[in-house]
Amino acid sequence: MNWFRFGNPELLLFFLFGFPPIILLLLYGMRQKRKAMLLFQSNVDILHFRRHKLQAILLILCFLFLVLAVANPQWGAKPESVAERLDVMFALDISTSMLAKDGNGAHRLARAKDVMLSLLDRLEGDRIGLLYFAEASVVVCPLTRDVNTLKEFLAAMTPKTLAHRGTRIGNAIEVATSRLNSYQNKLTTTDITSNGQKVLILFTDGENHDENAIQSAQTATEEGVYIYCIGVGNTDKSVPIPLILEQSVFKRDVRGQLVLTMLNEEGLLNIAKAGNGNYYHVDEGTGQLLDDLSRLERQKYRVSSDGKYQERFQLFIAFALILLVGELLIQLRMKQNE
């Protein structure tokens, strides 16, 4: 029978070796009790003796169900279920301008990572990928529901890791869009629908050294990708870019002048608008972004059965308890009649 099995079939030996002794003990006990009753009266009360037989049967059946429960009977595969998810790509700016501090003591990279970690804890059930970008863009973690792996990648990104110069936001959008669509094309027959919307969230100070970011965002929108921008930095004051955080060594141009950086909020607003998304400042929190994401259409997919049988030992324990309670009730009734 391929629809039924025991998880611990070896424990059925308890029944094989325990059942005969229990039967013999019960028969011996009933015989001795019958002899004892005949010593004090000529005839045995038939009803009283039948109740003893019923008690013995209930105890035998209780033992049988307990042995079966210990052997862990299993049948019926777990049914498929339907779930929903978004495919979200986090894109983190790792250019050296993200080392700048905007007067609050924390550099931009740390502030961006804090928001990303907060979002990871809130996007449970969605698939999330991670992309780093500066002059070039690279997907360091493909779409996954393993939040701990994503956190490990973020923890590994430290100020000492930022070795790139310049920022090409357009290239980051193109790489993220290509990767999101490649995952969409790999959907299997277990997916109910493939028209779920895809999301790119940019974490950046908005400094951009190419001119095709708006065009890239419009193209991504045509391919079903929504782009949201989280701006990191301040718009009221330009600040220098440290090369070494522990020392007052700042980035300078070829003429020896300090290179200053400021949050380009207008550029990020335009990118978000072209990407059919929205813009948020890093200090505003994640509430509005999560509200916007909740309104997007999620991809429905089947959670297929793992092929494992469902454990049914609980039913056998329940039957054993019912039989035991029945035996106790009969015993109480007999004492009341004595």
Protein backbone atom coordinates (compact mmCIF):
# COMPACT_ATOMS: atom_id res chain seq x y z
CA MET A 1 0.00 0.00 0.00
CA ASN A 2 1.77 3.13 -1.19
CA TRP A 3 -0.82 5.39 0.45
CA PHE A 4 -0.20 4.15 4.00
CA ARG A 5 2.91 3.47 6.04
CA PHE A 6 4.34 3.46 9.55
CA GLY A 7 7.03 5.98 10.43
CA ASN A 8 8.47 3.59 13.04
CA PRO A 9 7.46 0.10 11.88
CA GLU A 10 10.06 -1.57 14.12
CA LEU A 11 8.04 -0.51 17.17
CA LEU A 12 5.22 -2.83 16.10
CA LEU A 13 7.30 -5.52 17.82
CA PHE A 14 5.82 -4.23 21.07
CA PHE A 15 2.47 -5.54 19.88
CA LEU A 16 3.93 -8.82 18.67
CA PHE A 17 5.69 -9.58 21.96
CA GLY A 18 3.43 -7.67 24.37
CA PHE A 19 -0.01 -8.75 23.20
CA PRO A 20 0.16 -12.50 24.15
CA PRO A 21 1.35 -11.88 27.74
CA ILE A 22 -1.36 -9.26 28.28
CA ILE A 23 -4.04 -11.66 27.02
CA LEU A 24 -2.77 -14.42 29.30
CA LEU A 25 -2.62 -12.11 32.33
CA LEU A 26 -6.17 -10.86 31.78
CA LEU A 27 -7.54 -14.40 31.31
CA TYR A 28 -5.68 -15.57 34.39
CA GLY A 29 -6.99 -12.66 36.44
CA MET A 30 -10.58 -13.25 35.35
CA ARG A 31 -10.31 -16.96 36.18
CA GLN A 32 -8.89 -16.26 39.62
CA LYS A 33 -11.60 -13.71 40.33
CA ARG A 34 -14.27 -16.20 39.26
CA LYS A 35 -12.86 -18.80 41.65
CA ALA A 36 -12.75 -16.25 44.46
CA MET A 37 -16.36 -15.28 43.88
CA LEU A 38 -17.50 -18.96 43.94
CA LEU A 39 -15.98 -19.36 47.39
CA PHE A 40 -18.57 -16.99 48.84
CA GLN A 41 -21.58 -17.66 46.60
CA SER A 42 -22.96 -20.56 44.62
CA ASN A 43 -23.54 -18.70 41.39
CA VAL A 44 -21.56 -15.96 39.67
CA ASP A 45 -23.42 -12.77 38.68
CA ILE A 46 -23.44 -13.03 34.87
CA LEU A 47 -23.81 -9.26 34.38
CA HIS A 48 -20.92 -8.57 36.74
CA PHE A 49 -18.72 -11.08 34.93
CA ARG A 50 -19.63 -9.66 31.52
CA ARG A 51 -18.56 -6.22 32.69
CA HIS A 52 -15.19 -7.66 33.61
CA LYS A 53 -14.92 -9.13 30.12
CA LEU A 54 -15.79 -5.75 28.60
CA GLN A 55 -13.12 -4.09 30.74
CA ALA A 56 -10.54 -6.61 29.53
CA ILE A 57 -11.49 -6.00 25.89
CA LEU A 58 -11.25 -2.24 26.33
CA LEU A 59 -7.79 -2.55 27.90
CA ILE A 60 -6.59 -4.81 25.09
CA LEU A 61 -7.85 -2.36 22.45
CA CYS A 62 -6.28 0.56 24.36
CA PHE A 63 -2.93 -1.24 24.29
CA LEU A 64 -3.35 -1.94 20.56
CA PHE A 65 -4.03 1.73 19.70
CA LEU A 66 -1.13 2.93 21.83
CA VAL A 67 1.27 0.57 20.05
CA LEU A 68 -0.03 1.78 16.67
CA ALA A 69 0.38 5.41 17.78
CA VAL A 70 3.99 4.81 18.81
CA ALA A 71 4.64 3.19 15.42
CA ASN A 72 3.53 6.56 13.89
CA PRO A 73 0.95 5.69 11.22
CA GLN A 74 1.05 8.01 8.22
CA TRP A 75 -1.17 8.50 5.20
CA GLY A 76 -2.30 11.28 2.89
CA ALA A 77 0.23 13.66 1.31
CA LYS A 78 0.14 17.31 2.32
CA PRO A 79 -2.05 19.29 -0.12
CA GLU A 80 -0.77 22.06 -2.36
CA SER A 81 -1.38 25.64 -1.30
CA VAL A 82 -1.43 28.97 -3.12
CA ALA A 83 0.79 31.88 -2.03
CA GLU A 84 1.64 35.34 -3.33
CA ARG A 85 4.93 37.18 -3.61
CA LEU A 86 6.72 40.17 -5.10
CA ASP A 87 10.09 40.00 -6.80
CA VAL A 88 12.15 42.87 -5.35
CA MET A 89 15.70 43.86 -6.25
CA PHE A 90 17.60 46.05 -3.77
CA ALA A 91 20.24 48.19 -5.52
CA LEU A 92 22.82 49.74 -3.19
CA ASP A 93 25.08 52.58 -4.31
CA ILE A 94 28.65 51.65 -3.32
CA SER A 95 30.45 54.66 -4.80
CA THR A 96 32.81 56.56 -2.52
CA SER A 97 30.31 59.42 -2.12
CA MET A 98 28.33 57.05 0.14
CA LEU A 99 31.09 57.52 2.74
CA ALA A 100 30.12 61.17 3.20
CA LYS A 101 28.62 62.25 6.50
CA ASP A 102 25.81 64.78 6.46
CA GLY A 103 26.18 66.14 9.97
CA ASN A 104 24.45 63.39 11.91
CA GLY A 105 27.52 61.28 12.68
CA ALA A 106 26.66 58.32 10.43
CA HIS A 107 27.91 57.96 6.88
CA ARG A 108 25.44 57.42 4.06
CA LEU A 109 26.27 53.76 3.57
CA ALA A 110 25.38 52.94 7.19
CA ARG A 111 22.09 54.82 6.96
CA ALA A 112 21.15 53.02 3.74
CA LYS A 113 22.00 49.61 5.23
CA ASP A 114 19.84 50.31 8.29
CA VAL A 115 16.81 50.98 6.09
CA MET A 116 17.52 47.89 3.97
CA LEU A 117 17.72 45.67 7.04
CA SER A 118 14.44 47.11 8.29
CA LEU A 119 12.77 46.36 4.95
CA LEU A 120 14.11 42.79 4.91
CA ASP A 121 12.29 42.09 8.17
CA ARG A 122 9.04 43.51 6.74
CA LEU A 123 9.00 41.87 3.29
CA GLU A 124 8.43 38.36 4.60
CA GLY A 125 7.39 35.90 1.91
CA ASP A 126 8.67 38.02 -0.99
CA ARG A 127 11.74 37.16 -3.06
CA ILE A 128 14.50 39.73 -2.68
CA GLY A 129 17.77 40.13 -4.56
CA LEU A 130 20.75 42.41 -3.93
CA LEU A 131 22.70 44.46 -6.47
CA TYR A 132 25.71 46.71 -5.88
CA PHE A 133 26.39 49.53 -8.31
CA ALA A 134 28.85 52.33 -8.94
CA GLU A 135 30.73 52.54 -12.26
CA ALA A 136 29.63 48.95 -12.85
CA SER A 137 26.71 46.94 -11.48
CA VAL A 138 26.75 43.40 -10.18
CA VAL A 139 24.06 41.17 -8.69
CA VAL A 140 25.69 39.77 -5.54
CA CYS A 141 22.64 37.76 -4.42
CA PRO A 142 19.89 36.45 -6.72
CA LEU A 143 16.23 36.54 -5.76
CA THR A 144 15.72 34.57 -2.59
CA ARG A 145 13.48 34.30 0.46
CA ASP A 146 16.51 33.60 2.65
CA VAL A 147 16.67 36.87 4.59
CA ASN A 148 19.67 35.75 6.66
CA THR A 149 21.80 35.35 3.53
CA LEU A 150 20.92 38.86 2.40
CA LYS A 151 21.82 40.24 5.82
CA GLU A 152 25.19 38.51 5.63
CA PHE A 153 25.92 40.18 2.28
CA LEU A 154 24.99 43.58 3.70
CA ALA A 155 27.16 43.01 6.77
CA ALA A 156 30.10 42.22 4.47
CA MET A 157 29.72 45.57 2.68
CA THR A 158 31.86 47.93 4.79
CA PRO A 159 33.43 51.35 4.06
CA LYS A 160 36.70 49.60 3.27
CA THR A 161 34.92 47.72 0.48
CA LEU A 162 34.00 50.89 -1.41
CA ALA A 163 36.68 51.05 -4.06
CA HIS A 164 34.64 52.30 -7.02
CA ARG A 165 34.53 55.84 -8.33
CA GLY A 166 31.63 57.36 -10.17
CA THR A 167 28.00 56.23 -10.32
CA ARG A 168 25.98 54.96 -13.29
CA ILE A 169 22.39 54.65 -12.12
CA GLY A 170 21.17 53.88 -15.63
CA ASN A 171 23.40 50.83 -15.82
CA ALA A 172 22.11 49.63 -12.43
CA ILE A 173 18.52 49.90 -13.67
CA GLU A 174 19.34 47.97 -16.84
CA VAL A 175 21.14 45.15 -15.01
CA ALA A 176 18.38 44.85 -12.38
CA THR A 177 15.64 44.85 -15.03
CA SER A 178 17.41 42.17 -17.04
CA ARG A 179 17.85 39.98 -13.99
CA LEU A 180 14.26 40.44 -12.77
CA ASN A 181 12.91 39.51 -16.20
CA SER A 182 15.21 36.50 -16.49
CA TYR A 183 13.74 35.11 -13.27
CA GLN A 184 10.24 35.77 -14.59
CA ASN A 185 11.00 33.78 -17.74
CA LYS A 186 12.11 30.80 -15.65
CA LEU A 187 8.69 30.29 -14.07
CA THR A 188 7.62 26.65 -14.11
CA THR A 189 4.25 25.01 -14.50
CA THR A 190 3.80 25.22 -10.72
CA ASP A 191 3.22 28.97 -11.06
CA ILE A 192 -0.41 29.94 -11.43
CA THR A 193 0.28 33.29 -13.08
CA SER A 194 3.36 35.09 -14.32
CA ASN A 195 1.92 38.62 -14.41
CA GLY A 196 3.10 39.62 -10.95
CA GLN A 197 4.79 43.01 -10.83
CA LYS A 198 8.52 43.42 -10.25
CA VAL A 199 10.20 46.06 -8.12
CA LEU A 200 13.59 47.81 -8.09
CA ILE A 201 14.48 49.88 -5.02
CA LEU A 202 17.49 52.19 -5.42
CA PHE A 203 19.42 53.28 -2.31
CA THR A 204 21.66 56.14 -3.40
CA ASP A 205 22.65 59.77 -2.90
CA GLY A 206 21.57 60.42 -6.48
CA GLU A 207 24.94 61.43 -7.88
CA ASN A 208 24.87 60.18 -11.43
CA HIS A 209 27.64 60.17 -14.01
CA ASP A 210 25.66 58.99 -17.00
CA GLU A 211 22.76 60.54 -18.88
CA ASN A 212 20.56 57.55 -19.65
CA ALA A 213 19.04 56.93 -16.20
CA ILE A 214 15.63 58.39 -17.18
CA GLN A 215 15.55 56.42 -20.44
CA SER A 216 16.56 53.24 -18.60
CA ALA A 217 13.77 53.82 -16.06
CA GLN A 218 11.17 54.28 -18.82
CA THR A 219 12.34 51.10 -20.54
CA ALA A 220 12.17 49.19 -17.25
CA THR A 221 8.59 50.39 -16.73
CA GLU A 222 7.62 49.10 -20.17
CA GLU A 223 8.97 45.71 -19.10
CA GLY A 224 6.87 45.66 -15.93
CA VAL A 225 9.42 46.91 -13.39
CA TYR A 226 8.44 49.57 -10.83
CA ILE A 227 11.31 51.76 -9.60
CA TYR A 228 11.40 53.32 -6.14
CA CYS A 229 14.21 55.58 -4.98
CA ILE A 230 15.42 56.12 -1.42
CA GLY A 231 17.63 59.19 -1.20
CA VAL A 232 20.52 59.18 1.27
CA GLY A 233 22.07 62.50 2.33
CA ASN A 234 21.04 66.13 2.75
CA THR A 235 20.03 68.72 0.17
CA ASP A 236 20.92 71.85 2.12
CA LYS A 237 24.69 71.50 2.35
CA SER A 238 27.51 69.95 0.31
CA VAL A 239 29.97 67.82 2.29
CA PRO A 240 33.40 66.38 1.48
CA ILE A 241 33.96 62.71 0.69
CA PRO A 242 36.32 60.99 3.17
CA LEU A 243 38.79 58.51 1.76
CA ILE A 244 39.64 57.11 5.20
CA LEU A 245 36.90 57.36 7.81
CA GLU A 246 39.25 57.40 10.78
CA GLN A 247 41.31 60.31 9.46
CA SER A 248 40.62 63.74 7.96
CA VAL A 249 41.63 62.66 4.47
CA PHE A 250 39.15 63.76 1.82
CA LYS A 251 38.75 63.22 -1.89
CA ARG A 252 40.22 65.95 -4.12
CA ASP A 253 40.15 66.60 -7.85
CA VAL A 254 43.17 66.91 -10.15
CA ARG A 255 43.60 70.55 -9.12
CA GLY A 256 43.68 69.66 -5.42
CA GLN A 257 40.24 71.06 -4.69
CA LEU A 258 37.91 69.20 -2.30
CA VAL A 259 35.25 67.13 -4.06
CA LEU A 260 31.89 67.92 -2.45
CA THR A 261 28.71 65.87 -2.60
CA MET A 262 25.04 66.59 -1.99
CA LEU A 263 21.86 64.52 -2.24
CA ASN A 264 20.45 64.93 -5.74
CA GLU A 265 16.80 64.71 -4.77
CA GLU A 266 15.50 66.18 -8.04
CA GLY A 267 17.29 63.55 -10.11
CA LEU A 268 15.90 60.72 -7.99
CA LEU A 269 12.39 62.19 -8.17
CA ASN A 270 12.62 62.18 -11.97
CA ILE A 271 13.91 58.59 -12.05
CA ALA A 272 11.11 57.42 -9.74
CA LYS A 273 8.51 59.24 -11.83
CA ALA A 274 9.83 57.69 -15.05
CA GLY A 275 9.88 54.31 -13.29
CA ASN A 276 6.20 54.58 -12.28
CA GLY A 277 7.28 54.51 -8.64
CA ASN A 278 7.93 57.01 -5.88
CA TYR A 279 10.74 58.77 -4.02
CA TYR A 280 11.39 58.73 -0.25
CA HIS A 281 14.11 60.24 1.89
CA VAL A 282 16.06 57.77 4.02
CA ASP A 283 14.97 59.54 7.22
CA GLU A 284 11.27 59.17 6.41
CA GLY A 285 11.26 55.50 7.31
CA THR A 286 9.77 52.65 5.33
CA GLY A 287 6.08 52.97 6.13
CA GLN A 288 5.01 54.77 2.94
CA LEU A 289 7.17 52.52 0.75
CA LEU A 290 5.60 49.40 2.27
CA ASP A 291 2.13 50.86 1.71
CA ASP A 292 2.98 51.47 -1.95
CA LEU A 293 4.36 47.95 -2.37
CA SER A 294 1.25 46.43 -0.78
CA ARG A 295 -0.86 47.86 -3.60
CA LEU A 296 1.15 46.14 -6.33
CA GLU A 297 -0.11 42.95 -7.91
CA ARG A 298 1.69 39.94 -6.54
CA GLN A 299 2.60 36.81 -8.45
CA LYS A 300 0.52 33.82 -7.41
CA TYR A 301 2.28 30.47 -7.21
CA ARG A 302 1.60 26.99 -5.95
CA VAL A 303 3.43 25.67 -2.93
CA SER A 304 3.70 22.05 -3.99
CA SER A 305 3.56 19.18 -1.57
CA ASP A 306 6.90 17.92 -0.32
CA GLY A 307 5.70 14.34 -0.87
CA LYS A 308 5.75 13.54 2.82
CA TYR A 309 2.89 11.67 4.42
CA GLN A 310 0.93 13.36 7.18
CA GLU A 311 1.35 11.87 10.62
CA ARG A 312 -1.87 10.45 12.10
CA PHE A 313 -0.71 9.10 15.48
CA GLN A 314 -2.87 11.69 17.23
CA LEU A 315 -6.02 9.83 16.16
CA PHE A 316 -4.82 6.58 17.70
CA ILE A 317 -3.87 8.27 20.97
CA ALA A 318 -7.34 9.81 21.10
CA PHE A 319 -8.98 6.40 20.55
CA ALA A 320 -6.81 4.89 23.28
CA LEU A 321 -7.81 7.62 25.74
CA ILE A 322 -11.50 7.15 24.92
CA LEU A 323 -11.22 3.40 25.57
CA LEU A 324 -9.34 4.00 28.82
CA VAL A 325 -11.99 6.45 30.03
CA GLY A 326 -14.67 3.89 29.12
CA GLU A 327 -12.92 1.21 31.17
CA LEU A 328 -12.68 3.55 34.17
CA LEU A 329 -16.38 4.42 33.94
CA ILE A 330 -17.31 0.72 33.95
CA GLN A 331 -15.10 0.18 37.00
CA LEU A 332 -16.78 3.06 38.85
CA ARG A 333 -20.21 1.74 37.97
CA MET A 334 -19.34 -1.70 39.32
CA LYS A 335 -18.14 -0.20 42.62
CA GLN A 336 -21.37 1.77 42.98
CA ASN A 337 -23.42 -1.44 42.56
CA GLU A 338 -21.45 -3.39 45.17
